[in-house]
C-alpha cells in the first residue's frame, strides 16, 4: 500500500497535467486559427474593395469599365489614382466590403503612394497603426501601373475580437480546468484521509485486542485455578480468584463502555442531565481520586481555583469525566518530575478551566489532530501508554454538547495546556 499510494497520486497528477496541457494547446490553436481566418476575411474584403475602387475610377475617369475585356480594362487602369475618388466614397466602399464578411469593428485606413506618403486617410489614423495593419496593393502589377498605391487597414481594438468570439470557450475551459484541479485535490485529500483512517483503524484494533486480551487471560487463569482441587476447598482462595474475575470483568466492561460511548458521540446521541453544579468542588473531587496515581509517578498537582464565578449548568457525570480525562491524559503522557496545574478563571462570561502539565508535549500536527476519534499521539520512548484514543474526542464532543469550547496549546518536550470554556449558570 505504501508503494501503490504514491504511484496512484503520481498517475493522477500526470493525467491532470496532460489534460490541462492538451486543453491549453487546443485553445491556443483555436485562437490562432480564428485570427488567421479573420485576417483572411479582411484581406478578401479588401480585395473586393479594390475591385470596387477600380470600377469607381473607370466611371469617374469617363471610361465604361463594366463591359471592357480584361486587357482593355488593365490598359485604362494604368493611370489609376485614388485622387479621382472622394474620401467618403473610399470609406463607403471599404465599409460595404467589410460588412459582407461580418466585420463590423471600428477601423481606420490609409492609402499611400510609392514613397509611403499618405494620399488619403481617415483622420484618426496614426503612423504607429502601420505595423498592425492589414495591407493590400491597389496596383498589383507594379511595372504596368504608373502610380503604385497601397491600402492599409487598421482594426481598432482587434484583440478584443478574440475575447468576444471565443470568450465563452476560454471561460468554459478555465472553469473546467479549475474543476478538474479541484477534483484532483479533493481526491488526493480523500485518499490521504482514508490512509490515515486505515492507520487509525489498525491502531484501534491492535489496542483493543491488547486491552481485552489481558483481562481475558487473567480470567482464564483464575478459572483454571478455581478448578484446582486444592483451591476449590479453600474458601479464602475461592474468594480471591472470584474477586479477580469480577475485577477483570469490570475492566472489560469499562473498555466496552468506552467504545459504545464513542459510538453515541458519533451519532450525537449524548443525553445531558443538566443541573447547577459547583465546578470547583467537582474539580477538587476528581483531583483527590487521581492523587494516588500522581504520587505513584512521583508527581504533584496544584489547584489554583480563583474564578470569582464557578457555578455552571452541566451534567455532573459528563463534567466529572471531562476533568478526569484531561488529568488522566496529563498523567499518561508525563515524564520525570510530573507537575500538573489546574486553574480556573472567568473569560468572556464563561468559566475557563485550564489543565497544564510539563509532560512530553506535542508537535503542531499532533496538536491539530489530538481531538480526533481513535487518534493517538506518538509517545516517543514511552511505550506503556494504553487506551483507544477516545478520551480527548469524548472531551471535545461533551464540551460542545454543553455549548462550550476546548483548545490545546502545546510545545514538544515542554508540556501541554488544555483549556475548557463552559457557560456559567
Protein backbone atom coordinates (compact mmCIF):
# COMPACT_ATOMS: atom_id res chain seq x y z
CA UNK A 1 0.00 0.00 0.00
CA UNK A 2 2.88 2.37 0.82
CA UNK A 3 4.28 1.89 -2.70
CA UNK A 4 0.94 1.89 -4.51
CA UNK A 5 -0.36 5.09 -2.91
CA UNK A 6 2.40 7.44 -4.23
CA UNK A 7 2.11 5.75 -7.63
CA UNK A 8 -1.64 6.44 -7.77
CA UNK A 9 -1.09 10.10 -6.82
CA UNK A 10 1.66 10.41 -9.45
CA UNK A 11 -0.50 8.88 -12.20
CA UNK A 12 -3.49 11.08 -11.34
CA UNK A 13 -1.27 14.20 -11.27
CA UNK A 14 0.29 13.20 -14.60
CA UNK A 15 -3.16 12.68 -16.14
CA UNK A 16 -4.45 16.04 -14.89
CA UNK A 17 -1.36 17.86 -16.17
CA UNK A 18 -1.72 16.09 -19.53
CA UNK A 19 -5.38 17.08 -19.83
CA UNK A 20 -4.58 20.70 -18.93
CA UNK A 21 -1.69 20.80 -21.43
CA UNK A 22 -3.83 19.38 -24.25
CA UNK A 23 -6.66 21.76 -23.41
CA UNK A 24 -4.38 24.78 -23.39
CA UNK A 25 -2.79 23.69 -26.68
CA UNK A 26 -6.22 23.27 -28.23
CA UNK A 27 -7.31 26.74 -27.07
CA UNK A 28 -4.08 28.28 -28.40
CA UNK A 29 -4.53 26.59 -31.78
CA UNK A 30 -8.20 27.60 -31.90
CA UNK A 31 -7.26 31.25 -31.20
CA UNK A 32 -4.55 31.16 -33.84
CA UNK A 33 -6.94 29.61 -36.38
CA UNK A 34 -9.57 32.24 -35.61
CA UNK A 35 -7.01 35.03 -36.01
CA UNK A 36 -5.83 33.63 -39.35
CA UNK A 37 -9.40 33.26 -40.55
CA UNK A 38 -10.14 36.84 -39.58
CA UNK A 39 -7.01 38.12 -41.35
CA UNK A 40 -8.01 36.14 -44.45
CA UNK A 41 -11.55 37.57 -44.33
CA UNK A 42 -10.18 41.11 -44.05
CA UNK A 43 -7.78 40.51 -46.96
CA UNK A 44 -10.59 39.10 -49.13
CA UNK A 45 -12.83 42.04 -48.19
CA UNK A 46 -10.06 44.47 -49.14
CA UNK A 47 -9.60 42.68 -52.48
CA UNK A 48 -13.28 43.26 -53.20
CA UNK A 49 -12.92 46.85 -52.06
CA UNK A 50 -10.06 47.24 -54.55
CA UNK A 51 -12.27 45.96 -57.38
CA UNK A 52 -14.94 48.48 -56.37
CA UNK A 53 -12.35 51.28 -56.30
CA UNK A 54 -11.19 50.34 -59.80
CA UNK A 55 -14.76 50.39 -61.13
CA UNK A 56 -15.39 53.74 -59.48
CA UNK A 57 -12.14 55.13 -61.01
CA UNK A 58 -13.09 53.94 -64.52
CA UNK A 59 -16.51 55.57 -64.22
CA UNK A 60 -15.04 58.77 -62.75
CA UNK A 61 -12.38 58.97 -65.49
CA UNK A 62 -15.03 58.66 -68.26
CA UNK A 63 -14.36 55.01 -69.16
CA UNK A 64 -17.15 52.41 -69.36
CA UNK A 65 -15.49 49.75 -67.23
CA UNK A 66 -18.36 47.29 -66.90
CA UNK A 67 -18.25 45.86 -70.47
CA UNK A 68 -14.49 46.00 -71.17
CA UNK A 69 -12.37 42.94 -71.76
CA UNK A 70 -9.63 42.37 -69.22
CA UNK A 71 -6.80 43.67 -71.42
CA UNK A 72 -8.60 46.95 -72.15
CA UNK A 73 -9.55 47.30 -68.52
CA UNK A 74 -5.97 46.92 -67.36
CA UNK A 75 -4.85 49.37 -70.03
CA UNK A 76 -7.11 52.14 -68.70
CA UNK A 77 -6.22 51.28 -65.09
CA UNK A 78 -2.55 52.11 -65.68
CA UNK A 79 -3.45 55.67 -64.78
CA UNK A 80 -5.36 54.62 -61.63
CA UNK A 81 -5.22 57.05 -58.72
CA UNK A 82 -7.35 57.26 -55.58
CA UNK A 83 -7.34 61.04 -56.03
CA UNK A 84 -10.17 60.61 -58.56
CA UNK A 85 -12.35 59.23 -55.74
CA UNK A 86 -13.59 61.16 -52.71
CA UNK A 87 -12.66 60.21 -49.16
CA UNK A 88 -16.30 59.45 -48.35
CA UNK A 89 -16.63 57.12 -51.33
CA UNK A 90 -13.47 55.23 -50.33
CA UNK A 91 -14.77 54.86 -46.78
CA UNK A 92 -18.19 53.63 -48.01
CA UNK A 93 -16.60 51.08 -50.34
CA UNK A 94 -14.36 49.70 -47.57
CA UNK A 95 -17.25 49.63 -45.10
CA UNK A 96 -19.54 47.77 -47.53
CA UNK A 97 -16.88 45.16 -48.32
CA UNK A 98 -16.10 44.52 -44.64
CA UNK A 99 -19.78 44.08 -43.73
CA UNK A 100 -20.14 41.37 -46.39
CA UNK A 101 -17.75 39.29 -44.23
CA UNK A 102 -19.46 40.25 -40.98
CA UNK A 103 -16.58 42.51 -39.93
CA UNK A 104 -18.33 45.27 -38.02
CA UNK A 105 -15.48 46.51 -35.83
CA UNK A 106 -14.36 50.10 -35.93
CA UNK A 107 -11.50 50.64 -38.40
CA UNK A 108 -9.15 53.29 -39.74
CA UNK A 109 -7.47 53.30 -43.18
CA UNK A 110 -4.70 54.99 -45.07
CA UNK A 111 -3.68 54.89 -48.76
CA UNK A 112 -0.03 55.66 -49.51
CA UNK A 113 1.96 56.13 -52.72
CA UNK A 114 5.24 54.53 -53.77
CA UNK A 115 7.10 56.87 -51.41
CA UNK A 116 4.91 55.83 -48.45
CA UNK A 117 3.36 59.28 -48.40
CA UNK A 118 -0.34 59.36 -47.45
CA UNK A 119 -2.70 60.13 -50.33
CA UNK A 120 -5.93 59.61 -48.45
CA UNK A 121 -6.69 58.51 -44.89
CA UNK A 122 -9.25 58.61 -42.12
CA UNK A 123 -8.48 61.40 -39.68
CA UNK A 124 -7.83 59.21 -36.57
CA UNK A 125 -5.24 57.13 -38.43
CA UNK A 126 -1.81 57.35 -36.76
CA UNK A 127 1.65 56.40 -38.09
CA UNK A 128 2.01 53.71 -35.40
CA UNK A 129 -1.01 51.91 -36.89
CA UNK A 130 1.02 50.79 -39.93
CA UNK A 131 2.77 47.93 -38.11
CA UNK A 132 -0.53 46.33 -37.00
CA UNK A 133 -2.49 46.95 -40.21
CA UNK A 134 -3.57 44.59 -42.97
CA UNK A 135 -2.30 45.92 -46.30
CA UNK A 136 -3.19 45.31 -49.92
CA UNK A 137 -1.69 46.76 -53.08
CA UNK A 138 -4.16 48.78 -55.15
CA UNK A 139 -1.79 48.36 -58.10
CA UNK A 140 -0.74 44.72 -58.12
CA UNK A 141 1.25 44.92 -61.38
CA UNK A 142 3.89 47.43 -60.33
CA UNK A 143 5.54 47.62 -63.77
CA UNK A 144 2.36 48.47 -65.73
CA UNK A 145 0.96 50.90 -63.17
CA UNK A 146 2.43 54.39 -63.22
CA UNK A 147 1.46 55.36 -59.67
CA UNK A 148 1.60 52.31 -57.36
CA UNK A 149 -0.58 52.73 -54.25
CA UNK A 150 -1.11 50.58 -51.11
CA UNK A 151 -4.14 50.46 -48.81
CA UNK A 152 -3.55 49.95 -45.07
CA UNK A 153 -6.50 48.93 -42.88
CA UNK A 154 -6.22 49.06 -39.10
CA UNK A 155 -8.92 47.39 -36.97
CA UNK A 156 -9.35 49.31 -33.72
CA UNK A 157 -9.18 47.10 -30.62
CA UNK A 158 -8.68 43.99 -32.72
CA UNK A 159 -7.55 41.94 -29.71
CA UNK A 160 -10.99 42.18 -28.12
CA UNK A 161 -12.39 40.34 -31.14
CA UNK A 162 -10.92 37.04 -29.88
CA UNK A 163 -12.40 37.61 -26.43
CA UNK A 164 -15.80 38.41 -27.93
CA UNK A 165 -15.86 35.44 -30.27
CA UNK A 166 -14.09 32.91 -28.07
CA UNK A 167 -14.66 34.32 -24.60
CA UNK A 168 -17.24 31.68 -23.69
CA UNK A 169 -14.91 28.94 -24.88
CA UNK A 170 -11.92 30.28 -22.95
CA UNK A 171 -14.07 30.89 -19.85
CA UNK A 172 -15.56 27.38 -20.02
CA UNK A 173 -12.09 25.87 -20.45
CA UNK A 174 -10.76 27.77 -17.43
CA UNK A 175 -13.82 26.76 -15.40
CA UNK A 176 -13.48 23.07 -16.25
CA UNK A 177 -9.73 23.22 -15.65
CA UNK A 178 -10.38 24.60 -12.16
CA UNK A 179 -12.98 21.87 -11.60
CA UNK A 180 -10.51 19.18 -12.70
CA UNK A 181 -7.78 20.56 -10.41
CA UNK A 182 -10.26 20.83 -7.51
CA UNK A 183 -11.46 17.27 -8.11
CA UNK A 184 -7.85 16.08 -8.18
CA UNK A 185 -7.03 17.92 -4.94
CA UNK A 186 -10.18 16.55 -3.30
CA UNK A 187 -9.35 13.03 -4.48
CA UNK A 188 -5.80 13.19 -3.13
CA UNK A 189 -7.04 14.69 0.12
CA UNK A 190 -9.66 11.94 0.46
CA UNK A 191 -7.03 9.31 -0.24
CA UNK A 192 -4.77 10.77 2.45
CA UNK A 193 -7.69 10.85 4.89
CA UNK A 194 -8.61 7.26 4.05
CA UNK A 195 -4.98 6.26 4.56
CA UNK A 196 -4.96 7.97 7.96
CA UNK A 197 -8.29 6.34 8.88
CA UNK A 198 -6.90 2.97 7.87
CA UNK A 199 -3.86 3.51 10.09
CA UNK A 200 -6.06 4.71 12.96
CA UNK A 201 -8.34 1.70 12.49
CA UNK A 202 -5.38 -0.67 12.61
CA UNK A 203 -4.06 1.02 15.77
CA UNK A 204 -7.50 0.84 17.35
CA UNK A 205 -7.86 -2.89 16.62
CA UNK A 206 -4.37 -3.54 17.99
CA UNK A 207 -5.08 -1.50 21.12
CA UNK A 208 -8.49 -3.09 21.64
CA UNK A 209 -7.02 -6.58 21.22
CA UNK A 210 -4.33 -5.76 23.76
CA UNK A 211 -6.76 -4.17 26.23
CA UNK A 212 -9.19 -7.12 26.09
CA UNK A 213 -6.58 -9.86 25.84
CA UNK A 214 -5.02 -9.10 29.23
CA UNK A 215 -8.21 -9.37 31.34
CA UNK A 216 -9.33 -12.43 29.35
CA UNK A 217 -6.02 -14.13 30.06
CA UNK A 218 -6.31 -13.25 33.75
CA UNK A 219 -9.89 -14.58 33.90
CA UNK A 220 -8.80 -17.78 32.14
CA UNK A 221 -6.02 -18.34 34.66
CA UNK A 222 -8.39 -17.61 37.58
CA UNK A 223 -10.95 -20.12 36.27
CA UNK A 224 -8.24 -22.75 35.85
CA UNK A 225 -7.19 -22.07 39.43
CA UNK A 226 -10.76 -22.43 40.69
CA UNK A 227 -10.98 -25.91 39.16
CA UNK A 228 -7.91 -26.99 41.08
CA UNK A 229 -8.76 -29.46 43.91
CA UNK A 230 -6.58 -27.64 46.42
CA UNK A 231 -8.21 -24.24 45.68
CA UNK A 232 -11.84 -25.34 45.35
CA UNK A 233 -11.97 -26.46 49.02
CA UNK A 234 -10.23 -23.30 50.25
CA UNK A 235 -12.89 -20.62 50.70
CA UNK A 236 -10.33 -17.84 51.03
CA UNK A 237 -8.66 -18.80 47.73
CA UNK A 238 -12.06 -19.07 46.04
CA UNK A 239 -12.99 -15.57 47.18
CA UNK A 240 -9.61 -14.28 45.97
CA UNK A 241 -9.91 -15.73 42.49
CA UNK A 242 -13.61 -14.82 42.27
CA UNK A 243 -12.75 -11.24 43.12
CA UNK A 244 -10.04 -11.28 40.47
CA UNK A 245 -12.56 -12.46 37.86
CA UNK A 246 -15.02 -9.78 38.97
CA UNK A 247 -12.39 -7.01 38.75
CA UNK A 248 -11.22 -8.09 35.30
CA UNK A 249 -14.83 -8.35 34.15
CA UNK A 250 -15.42 -4.76 35.31
CA UNK A 251 -12.29 -3.72 33.48
CA UNK A 252 -13.56 -5.28 30.25
CA UNK A 253 -16.99 -3.72 30.70
CA UNK A 254 -15.36 -0.33 31.16
CA UNK A 255 -13.41 -0.73 27.89
CA UNK A 256 -16.55 -1.83 26.02
CA UNK A 257 -18.47 1.09 27.51
CA UNK A 258 -15.83 3.47 26.17
CA UNK A 259 -16.33 2.11 22.67
CA UNK A 260 -20.13 2.32 22.95
CA UNK A 261 -19.80 5.83 24.32
CA UNK A 262 -17.72 6.79 21.27
CA UNK A 263 -20.47 5.41 19.02
CA UNK A 264 -23.07 7.53 20.83
CA UNK A 265 -20.87 10.60 20.44
CA UNK A 266 -20.54 9.94 16.71
CA UNK A 267 -24.33 9.75 16.43
CA UNK A 268 -24.51 12.93 18.52
CA UNK A 269 -26.69 10.99 20.94
CA UNK A 270 -25.30 12.49 24.13
CA UNK A 271 -28.07 12.88 26.69
CA UNK A 272 -27.31 15.52 29.31
CA UNK A 273 -28.89 15.76 32.74
CA UNK A 274 -28.25 19.48 33.24
CA UNK A 275 -28.16 20.85 36.77
CA UNK A 276 -26.49 23.67 38.62
CA UNK A 277 -23.04 22.50 39.74
CA UNK A 278 -20.15 23.86 41.76
CA UNK A 279 -17.29 23.37 39.27
CA UNK A 280 -14.60 23.88 41.94
CA UNK A 281 -15.99 21.10 44.16
CA UNK A 282 -16.07 18.60 41.28
CA UNK A 283 -12.54 19.51 40.14
CA UNK A 284 -11.32 19.03 43.74
CA UNK A 285 -13.10 15.65 43.99
CA UNK A 286 -11.62 14.32 40.70
CA UNK A 287 -8.16 15.58 41.70
CA UNK A 288 -8.41 13.72 45.03
CA UNK A 289 -9.39 10.50 43.24
CA UNK A 290 -6.31 10.73 41.00
CA UNK A 291 -3.88 11.76 43.72
CA UNK A 292 -2.72 8.18 44.25
CA UNK A 293 -1.80 7.75 40.55
CA UNK A 294 0.06 11.05 40.62
CA UNK A 295 2.03 10.05 43.72
CA UNK A 296 2.94 6.71 42.10
CA UNK A 297 4.67 8.74 39.36
CA UNK A 298 6.37 10.96 41.96
CA UNK A 299 4.35 13.87 40.61
CA UNK A 300 2.48 16.79 42.10
CA UNK A 301 -0.84 18.50 41.43
CA UNK A 302 -1.66 22.10 42.28
CA UNK A 303 -5.14 23.64 42.17
CA UNK A 304 -5.49 27.37 41.55
CA UNK A 305 -9.26 27.75 41.59
CA UNK A 306 -9.55 31.55 41.59
CA UNK A 307 -12.58 32.06 39.33
CA UNK A 308 -14.93 34.55 41.05
CA UNK A 309 -17.91 32.74 39.49
CA UNK A 310 -17.79 28.95 39.30
CA UNK A 311 -21.41 27.76 39.20
CA UNK A 312 -22.18 26.07 35.87
CA UNK A 313 -25.18 24.30 34.39
CA UNK A 314 -23.88 20.90 33.34
CA UNK A 315 -24.23 17.14 33.57
CA UNK A 316 -22.35 16.06 36.69
CA UNK A 317 -21.21 12.69 35.30
CA UNK A 318 -20.02 14.09 31.99
CA UNK A 319 -18.36 17.12 33.58
CA UNK A 320 -16.50 14.85 36.00
CA UNK A 321 -15.40 12.70 33.06
CA UNK A 322 -14.12 15.79 31.22
CA UNK A 323 -11.85 16.75 34.14
CA UNK A 324 -10.86 13.11 34.71
CA UNK A 325 -9.87 12.57 31.06
CA UNK A 326 -7.78 15.76 30.95
CA UNK A 327 -5.94 14.88 34.17
CA UNK A 328 -5.57 11.21 33.14
CA UNK A 329 -4.16 12.33 29.77
CA UNK A 330 -1.60 14.54 31.56
CA UNK A 331 -0.57 11.61 33.78
CA UNK A 332 -0.28 9.14 30.88
CA UNK A 333 1.92 11.38 28.73
CA UNK A 334 4.12 12.55 31.57
CA UNK A 335 7.85 12.35 32.16
CA UNK A 336 10.00 12.58 35.26
CA UNK A 337 9.05 15.18 37.88
CA UNK A 338 5.46 15.40 36.66
CA UNK A 339 3.62 18.53 37.70
CA UNK A 340 0.02 19.33 36.81
CA UNK A 341 -1.53 22.72 37.44
CA UNK A 342 -5.32 23.17 37.28
CA UNK A 343 -6.60 26.74 37.31
CA UNK A 344 -9.92 28.46 36.75
CA UNK A 345 -10.91 31.95 35.66
CA UNK A 346 -13.81 33.78 34.02
CA UNK A 347 -13.19 34.66 30.36
CA UNK A 348 -15.80 36.44 28.23
CA UNK A 349 -18.61 35.41 30.55
CA UNK A 350 -17.56 31.73 30.56
CA UNK A 351 -15.76 29.56 33.10
CA UNK A 352 -12.26 28.80 31.81
CA UNK A 353 -10.67 25.62 33.20
CA UNK A 354 -7.00 25.21 32.29
CA UNK A 355 -5.12 21.93 32.80
CA UNK A 356 -1.39 22.47 32.31
CA UNK A 357 1.36 19.86 32.55
CA UNK A 358 5.10 19.59 31.95
CA UNK A 359 4.83 16.29 30.03
CA UNK A 360 6.22 15.22 26.68
CA UNK A 361 4.15 17.80 24.76
CA UNK A 362 3.06 17.61 21.12
CA UNK A 363 4.16 18.93 17.77
CA UNK A 364 1.87 21.10 15.65
CA UNK A 365 0.45 18.22 13.60
CA UNK A 366 -0.39 16.13 16.66
CA UNK A 367 -1.98 19.11 18.42
CA UNK A 368 -4.22 19.73 15.39
CA UNK A 369 -5.47 16.11 15.41
CA UNK A 370 -5.45 15.26 19.11
CA UNK A 371 -9.25 15.62 19.39
CA UNK A 372 -9.92 13.17 16.54
CA UNK A 373 -11.54 9.89 17.45
CA UNK A 374 -9.11 6.93 17.77
CA UNK A 375 -6.12 9.21 17.15
CA UNK A 376 -3.23 8.59 19.49
CA UNK A 377 -0.12 10.74 19.71
CA UNK A 378 3.27 9.18 19.13
CA UNK A 379 4.80 8.83 22.57
CA UNK A 380 8.47 8.62 21.64
CA UNK A 381 10.26 6.45 24.22
CA UNK A 382 7.11 5.99 26.34
CA UNK A 383 5.69 2.57 25.44
CA UNK A 384 3.32 1.89 28.33
CA UNK A 385 0.55 4.33 27.32
CA UNK A 386 -2.65 2.34 26.88
CA UNK A 387 -6.02 3.31 25.51
CA UNK A 388 -8.12 3.61 22.37
CA UNK A 389 -7.59 7.28 21.58
CA UNK A 390 -11.14 8.13 22.67
CA UNK A 391 -10.56 10.28 25.76
CA UNK A 392 -9.96 13.67 24.13
CA UNK A 393 -12.51 13.12 21.37
CA UNK A 394 -15.03 12.47 24.16
CA UNK A 395 -13.92 15.66 25.91
CA UNK A 396 -14.42 17.73 22.76
CA UNK A 397 -17.84 16.25 21.92
CA UNK A 398 -19.10 16.60 25.51
CA UNK A 399 -17.83 20.16 25.94
CA UNK A 400 -19.50 21.16 22.66
CA UNK A 401 -22.72 19.45 23.80
CA UNK A 402 -22.58 21.83 26.80
CA UNK A 403 -22.25 24.76 24.33
CA UNK A 404 -18.62 25.20 25.29
CA UNK A 405 -15.20 25.10 23.61
CA UNK A 406 -11.96 23.23 24.17
CA UNK A 407 -8.49 24.07 22.84
CA UNK A 408 -4.91 22.95 23.29
CA UNK A 409 -1.58 24.76 23.31
CA UNK A 410 1.46 22.51 23.33
CA UNK A 411 5.21 22.55 22.77
CA UNK A 412 7.09 19.35 22.03
CA UNK A 413 9.19 18.36 25.03
CA UNK A 414 7.82 21.11 27.28
CA UNK A 415 4.25 20.09 28.01
CA UNK A 416 0.66 20.84 27.05
CA UNK A 417 -2.10 23.14 28.22
CA UNK A 418 -5.77 22.29 27.64
CA UNK A 419 -8.39 25.00 28.12
CA UNK A 420 -12.10 24.25 28.51
CA UNK A 421 -14.66 27.05 28.29
CA UNK A 422 -18.13 26.33 29.71
CA UNK A 423 -21.10 28.69 30.07
CA UNK A 424 -21.72 29.96 33.58
CA UNK A 425 -25.07 29.27 35.19
